[in-house]
Amino acid sequence: MANTKRPIPLIAQFIISAVLGCFLSTLIMVHYCARGWEGIVETTDVPDDVRDAMLDAWDKDASPSMVSSHYMRVGWDWYNVVQVADDPQDETHQLMRVDGGWPMRMARGEAKVATTQTTPSTWTGRGLYRFSTGTRPRRYWQYASNSAIPLRPIWSGLLINTALYGAAIWIIWFQLLIVRRARRTRAGKCAICRYPTAIGERCAECGTLQDGRSIQWKSKRALAS
């Protein structure tokens, strides 16, 4: 019976690899962000440009009582800016920004928490999904209050991560198939079904032409003609 398979075009290989690379980079980003404070490697001050961008995003002005901190580890950055109210009756605002992704940061989310001494805190998020204890994976429950998933893409980081993971998938998946078929051809077997077939002949089992350079797939209709 003739082999009716068609080779995957090169452009289709790139598209498939890019989609899988984007999916894989997103899974890795979610994994790192869901871990919250686990495995913090360094704590520093928030860079001035990041702090100014956070204040501008929420229409806030810098104040002498402002305290900032930056927590980071592999695949995760948490920026925290707190504006302490001078009057106990006024609101204290905590501004947060979470950047996630590895090796490049590919998503961002922001949130503001307003608290007073007499009222409960209110959370306002922008592109930031915060896990509740009941919906988090069991292994992450102990970090439920300090982790969130950023939802707004950082396009430069997203494209770079997709390209890196997609290239790795393309090399591992499609190129290994080429190596495997070449080894079968050198061994005097059909590159597709491993039936003993000499170079230059058509496989009697699947109908694939063994040209020694590239594999040509022929449909039943082509073989019949």
Protein backbone atom coordinates (compact mmCIF):
# COMPACT_ATOMS: atom_id res chain seq x y z
CA MET A 1 0.00 0.00 0.00
CA ALA A 2 1.36 3.39 -0.92
CA ASN A 3 2.21 5.86 1.77
CA THR A 4 -0.24 8.77 1.74
CA LYS A 5 1.64 10.94 4.23
CA ARG A 6 2.84 14.34 3.19
CA PRO A 7 5.95 16.05 4.54
CA ILE A 8 5.31 18.93 6.93
CA PRO A 9 6.26 22.14 5.08
CA LEU A 10 9.00 24.22 6.62
CA ILE A 11 6.68 27.17 7.30
CA ALA A 12 4.25 24.82 9.06
CA GLN A 13 7.11 23.48 11.18
CA PHE A 14 7.97 27.04 12.25
CA ILE A 15 4.35 27.86 13.08
CA ILE A 16 3.87 24.69 15.12
CA SER A 17 7.14 25.27 16.96
CA ALA A 18 6.22 28.91 17.69
CA VAL A 19 2.81 27.98 19.09
CA LEU A 20 4.29 25.27 21.28
CA GLY A 21 7.11 27.61 22.34
CA CYS A 22 4.63 30.31 23.38
CA PHE A 23 2.59 27.74 25.32
CA LEU A 24 5.67 26.33 27.06
CA SER A 25 7.03 29.77 28.01
CA THR A 26 3.61 30.69 29.46
CA LEU A 27 3.53 27.52 31.57
CA ILE A 28 7.00 28.24 32.91
CA MET A 29 6.00 31.83 33.72
CA VAL A 30 2.88 30.68 35.60
CA HIS A 31 4.92 28.15 37.55
CA TYR A 32 7.47 30.73 38.71
CA CYS A 33 4.84 33.35 39.60
CA ALA A 34 2.62 30.93 41.50
CA ARG A 35 5.48 30.11 43.87
CA GLY A 36 5.24 33.58 45.41
CA TRP A 37 7.91 34.25 48.02
CA GLU A 38 9.40 30.76 47.79
CA GLY A 39 13.09 30.83 46.90
CA ILE A 40 13.71 34.59 46.97
CA VAL A 41 17.34 35.11 46.02
CA GLU A 42 17.75 38.86 46.53
CA THR A 43 15.98 41.90 47.98
CA THR A 44 16.85 45.39 46.75
CA ASP A 45 15.33 48.83 46.38
CA VAL A 46 12.95 49.52 43.52
CA PRO A 47 14.77 51.24 40.61
CA ASP A 48 13.80 54.87 40.16
CA ASP A 49 12.34 54.41 36.69
CA VAL A 50 10.18 51.49 37.84
CA ARG A 51 9.01 53.40 40.92
CA ASP A 52 8.11 56.46 38.86
CA ALA A 53 6.20 54.31 36.36
CA MET A 54 4.24 52.69 39.20
CA LEU A 55 3.35 56.06 40.71
CA ASP A 56 2.28 57.44 37.33
CA ALA A 57 0.13 54.38 36.64
CA TRP A 58 -1.92 55.08 39.78
CA ASP A 59 -1.73 58.90 39.68
CA LYS A 60 0.30 59.10 42.86
CA ASP A 61 3.06 61.50 43.85
CA ALA A 62 6.29 60.66 45.63
CA SER A 63 6.33 61.45 49.34
CA PRO A 64 8.97 61.44 52.10
CA SER A 65 7.15 58.62 53.87
CA MET A 66 7.32 56.33 50.85
CA VAL A 67 8.99 52.95 51.34
CA SER A 68 9.92 50.68 48.43
CA SER A 69 11.28 47.16 48.08
CA HIS A 70 12.11 44.78 45.26
CA TYR A 71 11.94 40.99 45.67
CA MET A 72 13.28 38.82 42.89
CA ARG A 73 14.32 35.34 41.93
CA VAL A 74 14.43 33.25 38.77
CA GLY A 75 11.45 34.04 36.56
CA TRP A 76 9.82 36.53 38.95
CA ASP A 77 10.07 40.17 40.08
CA TRP A 78 7.86 41.75 42.73
CA TYR A 79 8.04 45.54 43.12
CA ASN A 80 6.44 47.06 46.19
CA VAL A 81 5.93 50.78 46.95
CA VAL A 82 4.13 51.82 50.14
CA GLN A 83 2.89 55.34 50.81
CA VAL A 84 2.31 55.61 54.53
CA ALA A 85 -0.43 58.10 55.47
CA ASP A 86 0.51 60.89 57.88
CA ASP A 87 -2.96 60.87 59.43
CA PRO A 88 -4.07 57.49 60.88
CA GLN A 89 -7.53 58.12 59.43
CA ASP A 90 -6.17 58.48 55.89
CA GLU A 91 -5.55 55.61 53.54
CA THR A 92 -2.15 53.96 53.24
CA HIS A 93 -1.54 52.87 49.66
CA GLN A 94 0.55 49.87 48.72
CA LEU A 95 1.42 49.73 45.01
CA MET A 96 2.58 46.42 43.58
CA ARG A 97 3.93 45.30 40.23
CA VAL A 98 4.67 41.71 39.25
CA ASP A 99 6.81 40.81 36.22
CA GLY A 100 7.06 37.16 35.23
CA GLY A 101 8.80 35.02 32.65
CA TRP A 102 12.12 33.31 31.96
CA PRO A 103 14.63 34.04 30.56
CA MET A 104 12.95 37.36 29.66
CA ARG A 105 10.06 38.94 31.56
CA MET A 106 7.05 38.37 29.30
CA ALA A 107 4.03 39.48 31.35
CA ARG A 108 3.21 42.23 33.85
CA GLY A 109 0.46 42.99 36.32
CA GLU A 110 -0.16 45.79 38.80
CA ALA A 111 -2.31 46.26 41.88
CA LYS A 112 -3.11 48.81 44.56
CA VAL A 113 -4.09 48.00 48.13
CA ALA A 114 -5.67 50.79 50.19
CA THR A 115 -5.90 50.33 53.97
CA THR A 116 -6.80 52.37 57.04
CA GLN A 117 -6.78 51.57 60.73
CA THR A 118 -10.57 51.37 60.84
CA THR A 119 -11.58 49.79 57.49
CA PRO A 120 -10.64 46.58 55.69
CA SER A 121 -8.14 46.75 52.88
CA THR A 122 -9.39 47.04 49.30
CA TRP A 123 -7.57 45.41 46.38
CA THR A 124 -7.61 46.96 42.90
CA GLY A 125 -5.83 44.95 40.25
CA ARG A 126 -4.84 45.71 36.67
CA GLY A 127 -3.85 42.66 34.68
CA LEU A 128 -3.03 40.69 37.81
CA TYR A 129 -4.75 37.49 38.88
CA ARG A 130 -4.34 36.64 42.54
CA PHE A 131 -4.83 33.06 43.67
CA SER A 132 -7.14 32.35 46.58
CA THR A 133 -6.20 29.56 48.98
CA GLY A 134 -9.02 27.32 47.79
CA THR A 135 -8.09 27.50 44.10
CA ARG A 136 -4.31 27.17 44.36
CA PRO A 137 -2.46 23.91 43.81
CA ARG A 138 -1.85 22.15 47.09
CA ARG A 139 1.93 22.61 46.99
CA TYR A 140 1.47 26.42 46.76
CA TRP A 141 -1.06 26.97 49.55
CA GLN A 142 1.48 28.27 52.05
CA TYR A 143 2.33 31.15 49.67
CA ALA A 144 -1.28 32.08 48.82
CA SER A 145 -1.15 35.64 50.16
CA ASN A 146 2.02 36.63 48.28
CA SER A 147 1.68 35.34 44.73
CA ALA A 148 -0.18 36.42 41.62
CA ILE A 149 -0.15 35.76 37.88
CA PRO A 150 0.54 38.76 35.58
CA LEU A 151 -1.76 38.82 32.56
CA ARG A 152 -0.65 41.79 30.44
CA PRO A 153 1.98 40.75 27.88
CA ILE A 154 5.36 42.42 27.57
CA TRP A 155 5.66 41.96 23.82
CA SER A 156 9.43 42.13 23.52
CA GLY A 157 9.94 39.48 26.21
CA LEU A 158 7.09 37.35 24.88
CA LEU A 159 8.56 37.31 21.36
CA ILE A 160 12.06 36.49 22.59
CA ASN A 161 10.87 33.67 24.86
CA THR A 162 8.65 32.27 22.13
CA ALA A 163 11.56 32.33 19.66
CA LEU A 164 13.94 30.61 22.11
CA TYR A 165 11.55 27.87 23.20
CA GLY A 166 10.22 27.44 19.67
CA ALA A 167 13.73 27.03 18.27
CA ALA A 168 14.52 24.41 20.90
CA ILE A 169 11.34 22.49 20.08
CA TRP A 170 12.01 22.70 16.34
CA ILE A 171 15.58 21.41 16.71
CA ILE A 172 14.65 18.58 19.06
CA TRP A 173 11.49 17.48 17.28
CA PHE A 174 11.84 18.01 13.53
CA GLN A 175 15.60 17.72 13.17
CA LEU A 176 15.75 14.47 15.12
CA LEU A 177 13.26 13.06 12.62
CA ILE A 178 15.63 13.99 9.79
CA VAL A 179 18.56 12.33 11.56
CA ARG A 180 16.53 9.18 12.18
CA ARG A 181 15.47 8.94 8.54
CA ALA A 182 19.03 9.49 7.33
CA ARG A 183 20.30 6.65 9.53
CA ARG A 184 17.63 4.32 8.17
CA THR A 185 18.53 5.24 4.58
CA ARG A 186 22.23 4.56 5.16
CA ALA A 187 21.31 1.20 6.66
CA GLY A 188 19.50 0.22 3.46
CA LYS A 189 16.01 0.58 4.93
CA CYS A 190 12.99 2.69 4.11
CA ALA A 191 13.23 6.02 5.89
CA ILE A 192 9.56 5.81 6.87
CA CYS A 193 8.70 2.20 7.70
CA ARG A 194 12.21 0.60 7.93
CA TYR A 195 11.41 -2.00 5.28
CA PRO A 196 14.59 -3.14 3.47
CA THR A 197 14.82 -0.89 0.42
CA ALA A 198 17.83 0.19 -1.62
CA ILE A 199 18.51 3.82 -2.51
CA GLY A 200 16.83 4.73 -5.79
CA GLU A 201 14.02 2.22 -5.35
CA ARG A 202 10.50 2.65 -4.13
CA CYS A 203 9.59 0.91 -0.89
CA ALA A 204 7.44 -2.14 -1.54
CA GLU A 205 5.75 -1.70 1.82
CA CYS A 206 4.75 1.99 1.95
CA GLY A 207 5.59 3.33 -1.50
CA THR A 208 8.15 5.94 -0.43
CA LEU A 209 10.84 6.72 -2.98
CA GLN A 210 14.34 6.39 -1.51
CA ASP A 211 16.29 9.00 -3.48
CA GLY A 212 19.14 9.26 -0.97
CA ARG A 213 18.81 13.05 -0.68
CA SER A 214 15.24 13.84 0.26
CA ILE A 215 12.13 11.81 1.03
CA GLN A 216 9.37 12.09 -1.51
CA TRP A 217 5.86 11.11 -0.51
CA LYS A 218 3.49 9.98 -3.22
CA SER A 219 -0.21 9.52 -2.80
CA LYS A 220 -2.12 6.58 -4.21
CA ARG A 221 -3.39 8.78 -7.02
CA ALA A 222 0.14 9.85 -7.98
CA LEU A 223 1.40 6.27 -7.94
CA ALA A 224 -1.56 5.05 -9.99
CA SER A 225 -0.83 7.61 -12.67
